[in-house]
C-alpha atoms as a PDB file:
ATOM      1  CA  UNK A   1      98.158  72.794 121.520  1.00  0.00           C
ATOM      2  CA  UNK A   2      95.534  73.442 118.832  1.00  0.00           C
ATOM      3  CA  UNK A   3      94.997  71.066 115.943  1.00  0.00           C
ATOM      4  CA  UNK A   4      93.855  72.191 112.542  1.00  0.00           C
ATOM      5  CA  UNK A   5      93.845  75.794 111.285  1.00  0.00           C
ATOM      6  CA  UNK A   6      97.667  75.788 111.309  1.00  0.00           C
ATOM      7  CA  UNK A   7      97.715  75.717 115.099  1.00  0.00           C
ATOM      8  CA  UNK A   8      95.624  78.879 115.498  1.00  0.00           C
ATOM      9  CA  UNK A   9      92.290  79.476 117.282  1.00  0.00           C
ATOM     10  CA  UNK A  10      90.868  80.950 114.081  1.00  0.00           C
ATOM     11  CA  UNK A  11      90.896  80.000 110.403  1.00  0.00           C
ATOM     12  CA  UNK A  12      93.756  81.995 108.833  1.00  0.00           C
ATOM     13  CA  UNK A  13      93.729  83.246 105.253  1.00  0.00           C
ATOM     14  CA  UNK A  14      97.078  81.491 104.784  1.00  0.00           C
ATOM     15  CA  UNK A  15      95.194  78.174 104.825  1.00  0.00           C
ATOM     16  CA  UNK A  16      93.103  79.354 101.887  1.00  0.00           C
ATOM     17  CA  UNK A  17      96.199  80.505  99.985  1.00  0.00           C
ATOM     18  CA  UNK A  18      97.988  77.196 100.541  1.00  0.00           C
ATOM     19  CA  UNK A  19      94.973  75.267  99.277  1.00  0.00           C
ATOM     20  CA  UNK A  20      94.570  77.602  96.295  1.00  0.00           C
ATOM     21  CA  UNK A  21      98.202  78.061  95.285  1.00  0.00           C
ATOM     22  CA  UNK A  22      99.916  75.020  96.728  1.00  0.00           C
ATOM     23  CA  UNK A  23     102.152  76.931  99.114  1.00  0.00           C
ATOM     24  CA  UNK A  24     102.688  80.080 101.121  1.00  0.00           C
ATOM     25  CA  UNK A  25     101.916  83.329  99.311  1.00  0.00           C
ATOM     26  CA  UNK A  26     103.082  86.845 100.176  1.00  0.00           C
ATOM     27  CA  UNK A  27     101.439  90.146  99.254  1.00  0.00           C
ATOM     28  CA  UNK A  28     103.312  92.964  97.538  1.00  0.00           C
ATOM     29  CA  UNK A  29     101.435  96.196  98.390  1.00  0.00           C
ATOM     30  CA  UNK A  30     101.484  98.796  95.634  1.00  0.00           C
ATOM     31  CA  UNK A  31     100.069 102.315  95.286  1.00  0.00           C
ATOM     32  CA  UNK A  32      98.851 103.357  91.854  1.00  0.00           C
ATOM     33  CA  UNK A  33      95.969 105.739  92.614  1.00  0.00           C
ATOM     34  CA  UNK A  34      96.053 108.882  94.711  1.00  0.00           C
ATOM     35  CA  UNK A  35      92.416 109.800  95.132  1.00  0.00           C
ATOM     36  CA  UNK A  36      88.999 108.582  96.296  1.00  0.00           C
ATOM     37  CA  UNK A  37      85.422 109.917  96.288  1.00  0.00           C
ATOM     38  CA  UNK A  38      85.827 111.315  99.806  1.00  0.00           C
ATOM     39  CA  UNK A  39      88.988 113.297  99.063  1.00  0.00           C
ATOM     40  CA  UNK A  40      87.479 114.504  95.807  1.00  0.00           C
ATOM     41  CA  UNK A  41      84.535 115.816  97.829  1.00  0.00           C
ATOM     42  CA  UNK A  42      81.933 114.144  95.641  1.00  0.00           C
ATOM     43  CA  UNK A  43      78.354 114.609  96.814  1.00  0.00           C
ATOM     44  CA  UNK A  44      79.572 116.683  99.744  1.00  0.00           C
ATOM     45  CA  UNK A  45      81.724 113.892 101.204  1.00  0.00           C
ATOM     46  CA  UNK A  46      84.722 114.525 103.452  1.00  0.00           C
ATOM     47  CA  UNK A  47      87.948 112.629 104.022  1.00  0.00           C
ATOM     48  CA  UNK A  48      87.434 109.645 106.323  1.00  0.00           C
ATOM     49  CA  UNK A  49      88.434 110.570 109.867  1.00  0.00           C
ATOM     50  CA  UNK A  50      91.108 107.863 110.098  1.00  0.00           C
ATOM     51  CA  UNK A  51      92.705 108.215 106.658  1.00  0.00           C
ATOM     52  CA  UNK A  52      96.135 109.854 106.453  1.00  0.00           C
ATOM     53  CA  UNK A  53      97.791 111.511 103.464  1.00  0.00           C
ATOM     54  CA  UNK A  54      98.967 108.133 102.163  1.00  0.00           C
ATOM     55  CA  UNK A  55      95.469 106.749 101.794  1.00  0.00           C
ATOM     56  CA  UNK A  56      96.237 103.719 103.982  1.00  0.00           C
ATOM     57  CA  UNK A  57      99.262 102.842 101.847  1.00  0.00           C
ATOM     58  CA  UNK A  58     101.581 100.401 103.557  1.00  0.00           C
ATOM     59  CA  UNK A  59     104.707 102.096 102.237  1.00  0.00           C
ATOM     60  CA  UNK A  60     104.749 105.886 101.941  1.00  0.00           C
ATOM     61  CA  UNK A  61     107.993 105.729  99.963  1.00  0.00           C
ATOM     62  CA  UNK A  62     106.080 104.207  97.032  1.00  0.00           C
ATOM     63  CA  UNK A  63     104.589 107.609  96.248  1.00  0.00           C
ATOM     64  CA  UNK A  64     106.146 108.750  92.988  1.00  0.00           C
ATOM     65  CA  UNK A  65     107.406 105.261  92.081  1.00  0.00           C
ATOM     66  CA  UNK A  66     106.118 103.483  88.990  1.00  0.00           C
ATOM     67  CA  UNK A  67     104.224 100.214  89.320  1.00  0.00           C
ATOM     68  CA  UNK A  68     107.052  98.039  87.987  1.00  0.00           C
ATOM     69  CA  UNK A  69     109.537  99.773  90.267  1.00  0.00           C
ATOM     70  CA  UNK A  70     107.330  99.118  93.293  1.00  0.00           C
ATOM     71  CA  UNK A  71     106.754  95.464  92.415  1.00  0.00           C
ATOM     72  CA  UNK A  72     110.407  94.741  91.744  1.00  0.00           C
ATOM     73  CA  UNK A  73     111.648  96.569  94.828  1.00  0.00           C
ATOM     74  CA  UNK A  74     109.333  94.865  97.302  1.00  0.00           C
ATOM     75  CA  UNK A  75     109.521  91.511  95.578  1.00  0.00           C
ATOM     76  CA  UNK A  76     113.279  91.604  96.062  1.00  0.00           C
ATOM     77  CA  UNK A  77     113.016  92.580  99.726  1.00  0.00           C
ATOM     78  CA  UNK A  78     110.322  90.053 100.632  1.00  0.00           C
ATOM     79  CA  UNK A  79     111.834  87.219  98.608  1.00  0.00           C
ATOM     80  CA  UNK A  80     115.198  87.708 100.305  1.00  0.00           C
ATOM     81  CA  UNK A  81     113.773  88.014 103.825  1.00  0.00           C
ATOM     82  CA  UNK A  82     111.371  85.065 103.672  1.00  0.00           C
ATOM     83  CA  UNK A  83     112.746  82.999 100.768  1.00  0.00           C
ATOM     84  CA  UNK A  84     109.348  83.647  99.199  1.00  0.00           C
ATOM     85  CA  UNK A  85     108.467  82.258  95.784  1.00  0.00           C
ATOM     86  CA  UNK A  86     104.820  83.119  95.238  1.00  0.00           C
ATOM     87  CA  UNK A  87     103.228  86.561  95.413  1.00  0.00           C
ATOM     88  CA  UNK A  88      99.952  88.422  95.071  1.00  0.00           C
ATOM     89  CA  UNK A  89     100.087  92.032  93.920  1.00  0.00           C
ATOM     90  CA  UNK A  90      97.982  94.048  96.371  1.00  0.00           C
ATOM     91  CA  UNK A  91      96.524  97.259  94.945  1.00  0.00           C
ATOM     92  CA  UNK A  92      96.000  98.694  98.400  1.00  0.00           C
ATOM     93  CA  UNK A  93      95.996 102.465  98.787  1.00  0.00           C
ATOM     94  CA  UNK A  94      93.002 104.734  98.235  1.00  0.00           C
ATOM     95  CA  UNK A  95      90.142 103.422  96.040  1.00  0.00           C
ATOM     96  CA  UNK A  96      91.290 101.074  93.300  1.00  0.00           C
ATOM     97  CA  UNK A  97      88.091 101.208  91.291  1.00  0.00           C
ATOM     98  CA  UNK A  98      88.168 105.011  91.176  1.00  0.00           C
ATOM     99  CA  UNK A  99      90.194 105.043  87.966  1.00  0.00           C
ATOM    100  CA  UNK A 100      89.684 104.698  84.217  1.00  0.00           C
ATOM    101  CA  UNK A 101      89.107 101.126  83.081  1.00  0.00           C
ATOM    102  CA  UNK A 102      91.956 101.157  80.589  1.00  0.00           C
ATOM    103  CA  UNK A 103      94.358 102.388  83.256  1.00  0.00           C
ATOM    104  CA  UNK A 104      93.217  99.608  85.578  1.00  0.00           C
ATOM    105  CA  UNK A 105      93.633  97.074  82.780  1.00  0.00           C
ATOM    106  CA  UNK A 106      97.166  98.252  82.081  1.00  0.00           C
ATOM    107  CA  UNK A 107      98.089  98.030  85.765  1.00  0.00           C
ATOM    108  CA  UNK A 108      96.674  94.519  86.038  1.00  0.00           C
ATOM    109  CA  UNK A 109      98.565  93.411  82.926  1.00  0.00           C
ATOM    110  CA  UNK A 110     101.812  94.742  84.384  1.00  0.00           C
ATOM    111  CA  UNK A 111     101.213  92.928  87.665  1.00  0.00           C
ATOM    112  CA  UNK A 112     100.542  89.607  85.922  1.00  0.00           C
ATOM    113  CA  UNK A 113     103.566  89.928  83.665  1.00  0.00           C
ATOM    114  CA  UNK A 114     105.854  88.581  86.402  1.00  0.00           C
ATOM    115  CA  UNK A 115     106.329  84.818  86.707  1.00  0.00           C
ATOM    116  CA  UNK A 116     106.095  84.986  90.492  1.00  0.00           C
ATOM    117  CA  UNK A 117     102.655  86.665  90.458  1.00  0.00           C
ATOM    118  CA  UNK A 118      99.854  84.286  91.405  1.00  0.00           C
ATOM    119  CA  UNK A 119      97.103  86.879  91.163  1.00  0.00           C
ATOM    120  CA  UNK A 120      95.781  90.269  92.207  1.00  0.00           C
ATOM    121  CA  UNK A 121      94.219  91.722  95.348  1.00  0.00           C
ATOM    122  CA  UNK A 122      92.202  94.899  94.870  1.00  0.00           C
ATOM    123  CA  UNK A 123      91.137  97.210  97.685  1.00  0.00           C
ATOM    124  CA  UNK A 124      88.082  99.397  97.096  1.00  0.00           C
ATOM    125  CA  UNK A 125      84.903 100.696  98.737  1.00  0.00           C
ATOM    126  CA  UNK A 126      81.189  99.825  98.546  1.00  0.00           C
ATOM    127  CA  UNK A 127      80.044 102.963  96.739  1.00  0.00           C
ATOM    128  CA  UNK A 128      82.630 102.977  93.970  1.00  0.00           C
ATOM    129  CA  UNK A 129      81.614 100.077  91.763  1.00  0.00           C
ATOM    130  CA  UNK A 130      80.487  99.943  88.165  1.00  0.00           C
ATOM    131  CA  UNK A 131      79.523  97.139  85.781  1.00  0.00           C
ATOM    132  CA  UNK A 132      82.697  97.777  83.745  1.00  0.00           C
ATOM    133  CA  UNK A 133      84.922  97.464  86.804  1.00  0.00           C
ATOM    134  CA  UNK A 134      83.309  94.179  87.816  1.00  0.00           C
ATOM    135  CA  UNK A 135      83.598  92.859  84.258  1.00  0.00           C
ATOM    136  CA  UNK A 136      87.297  93.696  84.358  1.00  0.00           C
ATOM    137  CA  UNK A 137      87.745  91.872  87.672  1.00  0.00           C
ATOM    138  CA  UNK A 138      85.960  88.822  86.299  1.00  0.00           C
ATOM    139  CA  UNK A 139      88.038  88.839  83.115  1.00  0.00           C
ATOM    140  CA  UNK A 140      91.298  88.767  85.059  1.00  0.00           C
ATOM    141  CA  UNK A 141      89.945  86.299  87.613  1.00  0.00           C
ATOM    142  CA  UNK A 142      89.252  83.858  84.788  1.00  0.00           C
ATOM    143  CA  UNK A 143      92.834  84.321  83.593  1.00  0.00           C
ATOM    144  CA  UNK A 144      94.507  84.181  86.966  1.00  0.00           C
ATOM    145  CA  UNK A 145      93.098  85.029  90.409  1.00  0.00           C
ATOM    146  CA  UNK A 146      91.459  88.195  91.693  1.00  0.00           C
ATOM    147  CA  UNK A 147      90.521  88.939  95.292  1.00  0.00           C
ATOM    148  CA  UNK A 148      88.520  92.051  96.156  1.00  0.00           C
ATOM    149  CA  UNK A 149      88.723  93.589  99.632  1.00  0.00           C
ATOM    150  CA  UNK A 150      85.815  95.896 100.362  1.00  0.00           C
ATOM    151  CA  UNK A 151      86.289  98.607 102.991  1.00  0.00           C
ATOM    152  CA  UNK A 152      82.977  98.189 104.789  1.00  0.00           C
ATOM    153  CA  UNK A 153      84.337  99.152 108.268  1.00  0.00           C
ATOM    154  CA  UNK A 154      80.885  98.962 109.901  1.00  0.00           C
ATOM    155  CA  UNK A 155      77.279  98.066 109.146  1.00  0.00           C
ATOM    156  CA  UNK A 156      75.932 100.699 111.551  1.00  0.00           C
ATOM    157  CA  UNK A 157      75.123 104.094 110.089  1.00  0.00           C
ATOM    158  CA  UNK A 158      75.981 106.093 113.213  1.00  0.00           C
ATOM    159  CA  UNK A 159      79.500 104.649 113.139  1.00  0.00           C
ATOM    160  CA  UNK A 160      79.821 105.228 109.405  1.00  0.00           C
ATOM    161  CA  UNK A 161      78.757 108.842 109.889  1.00  0.00           C
ATOM    162  CA  UNK A 162      81.352 109.333 112.631  1.00  0.00           C
ATOM    163  CA  UNK A 163      84.025 107.941 110.297  1.00  0.00           C
ATOM    164  CA  UNK A 164      82.714 110.112 107.437  1.00  0.00           C
ATOM    165  CA  UNK A 165      82.663 107.108 105.158  1.00  0.00           C
ATOM    166  CA  UNK A 166      80.067 108.598 102.828  1.00  0.00           C
ATOM    167  CA  UNK A 167      78.173 105.338 102.400  1.00  0.00           C
ATOM    168  CA  UNK A 168      75.568 103.504 104.463  1.00  0.00           C
ATOM    169  CA  UNK A 169      75.441 100.003 105.848  1.00  0.00           C
ATOM    170  CA  UNK A 170      72.783  99.113 103.287  1.00  0.00           C
ATOM    171  CA  UNK A 171      75.048 100.290 100.472  1.00  0.00           C
ATOM    172  CA  UNK A 172      77.720  97.916 101.750  1.00  0.00           C
ATOM    173  CA  UNK A 173      75.300  94.994 101.816  1.00  0.00           C
ATOM    174  CA  UNK A 174      74.036  95.854  98.335  1.00  0.00           C
ATOM    175  CA  UNK A 175      77.609  96.155  97.007  1.00  0.00           C
ATOM    176  CA  UNK A 176      78.585  92.751  98.393  1.00  0.00           C
ATOM    177  CA  UNK A 177      75.571  91.109  96.775  1.00  0.00           C
ATOM    178  CA  UNK A 178      76.228  92.944  93.521  1.00  0.00           C
ATOM    179  CA  UNK A 179      79.840  91.727  93.338  1.00  0.00           C
ATOM    180  CA  UNK A 180      78.863  88.175  94.286  1.00  0.00           C
ATOM    181  CA  UNK A 181      76.177  88.126  91.592  1.00  0.00           C
ATOM    182  CA  UNK A 182      78.215  89.700  88.799  1.00  0.00           C
ATOM    183  CA  UNK A 183      81.539  87.929  89.439  1.00  0.00           C
ATOM    184  CA  UNK A 184      83.213  84.877  90.914  1.00  0.00           C
ATOM    185  CA  UNK A 185      86.132  86.814  92.407  1.00  0.00           C
ATOM    186  CA  UNK A 186      87.244  86.019  95.937  1.00  0.00           C
ATOM    187  CA  UNK A 187      85.466  88.580  98.102  1.00  0.00           C
ATOM    188  CA  UNK A 188      86.402  89.819 101.573  1.00  0.00           C
ATOM    189  CA  UNK A 189      85.556  92.782 103.778  1.00  0.00           C
ATOM    190  CA  UNK A 190      87.355  95.040 106.233  1.00  0.00           C
ATOM    191  CA  UNK A 191      85.771  95.790 109.609  1.00  0.00           C
ATOM    192  CA  UNK A 192      86.854  98.344 112.189  1.00  0.00           C
ATOM    193  CA  UNK A 193      86.205  97.899 115.923  1.00  0.00           C
ATOM    194  CA  UNK A 194      86.767 100.408 118.720  1.00  0.00           C
ATOM    195  CA  UNK A 195      84.158 102.921 117.563  1.00  0.00           C
ATOM    196  CA  UNK A 196      82.693 105.504 119.964  1.00  0.00           C
ATOM    197  CA  UNK A 197      79.756 104.076 121.953  1.00  0.00           C
ATOM    198  CA  UNK A 198      80.306 100.636 120.425  1.00  0.00           C
ATOM    199  CA  UNK A 199      78.295  97.907 122.166  1.00  0.00           C
ATOM    200  CA  UNK A 200      78.590  94.149 122.615  1.00  0.00           C
ATOM    201  CA  UNK A 201      75.262  93.792 120.825  1.00  0.00           C
ATOM    202  CA  UNK A 202      76.731  95.505 117.750  1.00  0.00           C
ATOM    203  CA  UNK A 203      79.711  93.137 117.692  1.00  0.00           C
ATOM    204  CA  UNK A 204      77.392  90.133 117.878  1.00  0.00           C
ATOM    205  CA  UNK A 205      75.129  91.587 115.181  1.00  0.00           C
ATOM    206  CA  UNK A 206      78.156  92.216 112.974  1.00  0.00           C
ATOM    207  CA  UNK A 207      79.151  88.550 113.229  1.00  0.00           C
ATOM    208  CA  UNK A 208      75.593  87.498 112.400  1.00  0.00           C
ATOM    209  CA  UNK A 209      75.520  89.766 109.346  1.00  0.00           C
ATOM    210  CA  UNK A 210      78.916  88.560 108.145  1.00  0.00           C
ATOM    211  CA  UNK A 211      77.900  84.904 108.471  1.00  0.00           C
ATOM    212  CA  UNK A 212      75.037  85.469 106.020  1.00  0.00           C
ATOM    213  CA  UNK A 213      77.157  87.230 103.395  1.00  0.00           C
ATOM    214  CA  UNK A 214      78.622  85.658 100.224  1.00  0.00           C
ATOM    215  CA  UNK A 215      82.192  86.442 101.285  1.00  0.00           C
ATOM    216  CA  UNK A 216      85.165  84.206 102.023  1.00  0.00           C
ATOM    217  CA  UNK A 217      87.225  86.309 104.419  1.00  0.00           C
ATOM    218  CA  UNK A 218      87.320  89.239 106.824  1.00  0.00           C
ATOM    219  CA  UNK A 219      90.084  91.577 107.990  1.00  0.00           C
ATOM    220  CA  UNK A 220      89.798  93.278 111.392  1.00  0.00           C
ATOM    221  CA  UNK A 221      91.164  96.705 112.358  1.00  0.00           C
ATOM    222  CA  UNK A 222      91.160  98.745 115.540  1.00  0.00           C
ATOM    223  CA  UNK A 223      90.285 102.413 115.046  1.00  0.00           C
ATOM    224  CA  UNK A 224      93.489 104.338 115.783  1.00  0.00           C
ATOM    225  CA  UNK A 225      94.713 107.914 115.434  1.00  0.00           C
ATOM    226  CA  UNK A 226      97.329 109.021 112.901  1.00  0.00           C
ATOM    227  CA  UNK A 227      98.850 112.462 112.474  1.00  0.00           C
ATOM    228  CA  UNK A 228      97.288 114.866 109.987  1.00  0.00           C
ATOM    229  CA  UNK A 229      93.923 113.103 110.022  1.00  0.00           C
ATOM    230  CA  UNK A 230      90.543 114.517 111.064  1.00  0.00           C
ATOM    231  CA  UNK A 231      90.564 111.974 113.900  1.00  0.00           C
ATOM    232  CA  UNK A 232      93.692 113.558 115.373  1.00  0.00           C
ATOM    233  CA  UNK A 233      91.817 116.801 116.052  1.00  0.00           C
ATOM    234  CA  UNK A 234      88.822 114.905 117.425  1.00  0.00           C
ATOM    235  CA  UNK A 235      91.182 112.985 119.712  1.00  0.00           C
ATOM    236  CA  UNK A 236      92.989 116.100 120.970  1.00  0.00           C
ATOM    237  CA  UNK A 237      89.633 117.777 121.550  1.00  0.00           C
ATOM    238  CA  UNK A 238      88.764 114.912 123.879  1.00  0.00           C
ATOM    239  CA  UNK A 239      85.912 113.638 121.713  1.00  0.00           C
ATOM    240  CA  UNK A 240      87.451 110.240 120.961  1.00  0.00           C
ATOM    241  CA  UNK A 241      89.352 107.788 123.145  1.00  0.00           C
ATOM    242  CA  UNK A 242      91.072 104.876 121.377  1.00  0.00           C
ATOM    243  CA  UNK A 243      90.220 101.448 122.668  1.00  0.00           C
ATOM    244  CA  UNK A 244      92.687  99.752 125.017  1.00  0.00           C
ATOM    245  CA  UNK A 245      94.344  96.560 123.834  1.00  0.00           C
ATOM    246  CA  UNK A 246      92.565  94.213 126.249  1.00  0.00           C
ATOM    247  CA  UNK A 247      89.180  95.776 125.541  1.00  0.00           C
ATOM    248  CA  UNK A 248      89.854  95.355 121.825  1.00  0.00           C
ATOM    249  CA  UNK A 249      90.905  91.738 122.385  1.00  0.00           C
ATOM    250  CA  UNK A 250      87.577  91.176 124.139  1.00  0.00           C
ATOM    251  CA  UNK A 251      85.803  92.547 121.062  1.00  0.00           C
ATOM    252  CA  UNK A 252      87.809  90.239 118.815  1.00  0.00           C
ATOM    253  CA  UNK A 253      86.977  87.254 121.020  1.00  0.00           C
ATOM    254  CA  UNK A 254      83.269  88.013 120.878  1.00  0.00           C
ATOM    255  CA  UNK A 255      83.321  88.397 117.110  1.00  0.00           C
ATOM    256  CA  UNK A 256      85.517  85.353 116.443  1.00  0.00           C
ATOM    257  CA  UNK A 257      83.470  83.047 118.671  1.00  0.00           C
ATOM    258  CA  UNK A 258      80.329  83.934 116.717  1.00  0.00           C
ATOM    259  CA  UNK A 259      81.970  83.902 113.273  1.00  0.00           C
ATOM    260  CA  UNK A 260      81.212  80.979 110.960  1.00  0.00           C
ATOM    261  CA  UNK A 261      84.177  78.586 110.612  1.00  0.00           C
ATOM    262  CA  UNK A 262      83.773  78.793 106.822  1.00  0.00           C
ATOM    263  CA  UNK A 263      85.126  82.354 106.804  1.00  0.00           C
ATOM    264  CA  UNK A 264      88.865  82.945 106.725  1.00  0.00           C
ATOM    265  CA  UNK A 265      90.423  85.642 108.901  1.00  0.00           C
ATOM    266  CA  UNK A 266      93.053  87.867 107.325  1.00  0.00           C
ATOM    267  CA  UNK A 267      94.095  89.826 110.386  1.00  0.00           C
ATOM    268  CA  UNK A 268      92.990  90.389 113.974  1.00  0.00           C
ATOM    269  CA  UNK A 269      94.198  93.981 114.464  1.00  0.00           C
ATOM    270  CA  UNK A 270      95.588  96.988 112.618  1.00  0.00           C
ATOM    271  CA  UNK A 271      99.262  97.920 112.492  1.00  0.00           C
ATOM    272  CA  UNK A 272     100.655 101.436 112.090  1.00  0.00           C
ATOM    273  CA  UNK A 273     103.693 100.865 109.897  1.00  0.00           C
ATOM    274  CA  UNK A 274     104.798 104.503 110.122  1.00  0.00           C
ATOM    275  CA  UNK A 275     105.433 104.731 113.851  1.00  0.00           C
ATOM    276  CA  UNK A 276     106.290 108.423 113.730  1.00  0.00           C
ATOM    277  CA  UNK A 277     102.786 109.175 112.459  1.00  0.00           C
ATOM    278  CA  UNK A 278     100.948 107.172 115.123  1.00  0.00           C
ATOM    279  CA  UNK A 279      99.278 109.330 117.773  1.00  0.00           C
ATOM    280  CA  UNK A 280      97.335 106.715 119.757  1.00  0.00           C
ATOM    281  CA  UNK A 281      97.075 104.019 120.966  1.00  0.00           C
ATOM    282  CA  UNK A 282     100.755 103.105 121.103  1.00  0.00           C
ATOM    283  CA  UNK A 283     100.069  99.374 121.078  1.00  0.00           C
ATOM    284  CA  UNK A 284      99.043  99.691 117.420  1.00  0.00           C
ATOM    285  CA  UNK A 285     102.729 100.094 116.501  1.00  0.00           C
ATOM    286  CA  UNK A 286     103.632  96.658 117.916  1.00  0.00           C
ATOM    287  CA  UNK A 287     102.624  94.393 115.038  1.00  0.00           C
ATOM    288  CA  UNK A 288     103.900  91.016 116.202  1.00  0.00           C
ATOM    289  CA  UNK A 289     103.378  91.777 119.891  1.00  0.00           C
ATOM    290  CA  UNK A 290      99.732  92.668 119.333  1.00  0.00           C
ATOM    291  CA  UNK A 291      99.192  89.699 117.014  1.00  0.00           C
ATOM    292  CA  UNK A 292     100.578  87.311 119.625  1.00  0.00           C
ATOM    293  CA  UNK A 293      98.634  89.050 122.404  1.00  0.00           C
ATOM    294  CA  UNK A 294      95.373  88.426 120.541  1.00  0.00           C
ATOM    295  CA  UNK A 295      96.194  84.762 119.966  1.00  0.00           C
ATOM    296  CA  UNK A 296      97.325  84.245 123.559  1.00  0.00           C
ATOM    297  CA  UNK A 297      94.176  85.961 124.836  1.00  0.00           C
ATOM    298  CA  UNK A 298      91.956  83.623 122.809  1.00  0.00           C
ATOM    299  CA  UNK A 299      93.903  80.585 124.012  1.00  0.00           C
ATOM    300  CA  UNK A 300      93.815  81.709 127.631  1.00  0.00           C
ATOM    301  CA  UNK A 301      90.035  82.029 127.479  1.00  0.00           C
ATOM    302  CA  UNK A 302      89.581  78.705 125.691  1.00  0.00           C
ATOM    303  CA  UNK A 303      88.102  80.644 122.806  1.00  0.00           C
ATOM    304  CA  UNK A 304      88.148  79.857 119.096  1.00  0.00           C
ATOM    305  CA  UNK A 305      86.371  80.745 115.873  1.00  0.00           C
ATOM    306  CA  UNK A 306      82.866  79.350 115.705  1.00  0.00           C
ATOM    307  CA  UNK A 307      82.673  78.351 119.371  1.00  0.00           C
ATOM    308  CA  UNK A 308      79.274  80.048 119.728  1.00  0.00           C
ATOM    309  CA  UNK A 309      78.266  79.773 116.077  1.00  0.00           C
ATOM    310  CA  UNK A 310      74.868  78.211 115.366  1.00  0.00           C
ATOM    311  CA  UNK A 311      74.778  76.429 112.026  1.00  0.00           C
ATOM    312  CA  UNK A 312      71.604  76.882 109.996  1.00  0.00           C
ATOM    313  CA  UNK A 313      72.296  76.084 106.336  1.00  0.00           C
ATOM    314  CA  UNK A 314      73.376  72.595 105.162  1.00  0.00           C
ATOM    315  CA  UNK A 315      76.859  73.871 104.300  1.00  0.00           C
ATOM    316  CA  UNK A 316      77.215  75.456 107.730  1.00  0.00           C
ATOM    317  CA  UNK A 317      76.068  72.240 109.410  1.00  0.00           C
ATOM    318  CA  UNK A 318      78.758  70.351 107.487  1.00  0.00           C
ATOM    319  CA  UNK A 319      81.406  72.877 108.483  1.00  0.00           C
ATOM    320  CA  UNK A 320      80.322  72.754 112.125  1.00  0.00           C
ATOM    321  CA  UNK A 321      80.585  68.957 112.057  1.00  0.00           C
ATOM    322  CA  UNK A 322      84.114  69.163 110.689  1.00  0.00           C
ATOM    323  CA  UNK A 323      84.963  71.669 113.428  1.00  0.00           C
ATOM    324  CA  UNK A 324      83.952  69.115 116.051  1.00  0.00           C
ATOM    325  CA  UNK A 325      86.093  66.458 114.372  1.00  0.00           C
ATOM    326  CA  UNK A 326      89.281  68.017 115.695  1.00  0.00           C
ATOM    327  CA  UNK A 327      90.149  69.482 119.044  1.00  0.00           C
ATOM    328  CA  UNK A 328      90.548  73.210 118.462  1.00  0.00           C
ATOM    329  CA  UNK A 329      91.517  73.812 122.058  1.00  0.00           C
ATOM    330  CA  UNK A 330      92.787  70.850 124.031  1.00  0.00           C
ATOM    331  CA  UNK A 331      92.115  70.636 127.792  1.00  0.00           C
ATOM    332  CA  UNK A 332      95.808  70.999 128.536  1.00  0.00           C
ATOM    333  CA  UNK A 333      96.291  74.248 126.568  1.00  0.00           C
END
């Protein structure tokens, strides 16, 4: 049985939320924008290969619903199911900095108008930032709490080109530094494993890059195929084969073992909430099964976050020392 990290072989984001808000916090995903630079075709860009018509929205039925209607509907459902009291409003779908500042301000004000709202989570991309957007984030962070999730996906340009992201790895690194310099918002990134021709060396290099970044958390996805996406055609043409669950778990293990213990982990794998739209792999539809599989796989291998991490900075040395102060994986587990 693991000790520390809420009984998990990695440092979960829930630990951060409990320390920050004094209890468990749930996210209410909302959709308030319906466009992004790729879909607009700016600078010759194309829609990302994996993005469906909902723009990665968690709930397709939110399309056409007002912001208050979305918040109140999903607050009611989540509060009833989990007896939840504290919430973050997650501006998730599409690119939530690809909008007029005053519209963003209005949306943020609406989200914070509810007593149960502890703060905001904003999803966006590395090449869609402006000084005014970052000033707005900072303003609301000083009033409440703002977390920014940056859709980096990969630091390797060949993978970014395959995904048609429209930005480079360097642009991602520059964007992260820009946000960290201009604001004090909580900053995290999304990464996507299971790319064509992906190598172990790239996974290890990704962990090394992440460890040196001024971010607090990371969210992992497996590249999967949804209907009506460019990737569906590529898949049916035999040019892309989704990663198998065990192979993906091996990738996660490699990354987690080399990830600094200071960084919180939001999620280990993607989940296709609209099962009827999932083409492949089928295991992506099994949210809890896949989550438990990843945890069990790490436990079975005696693996845990930071196992192979080499501390270099004073803060990392301190964190590594604390890691050794409790038994992450006991001999009997």
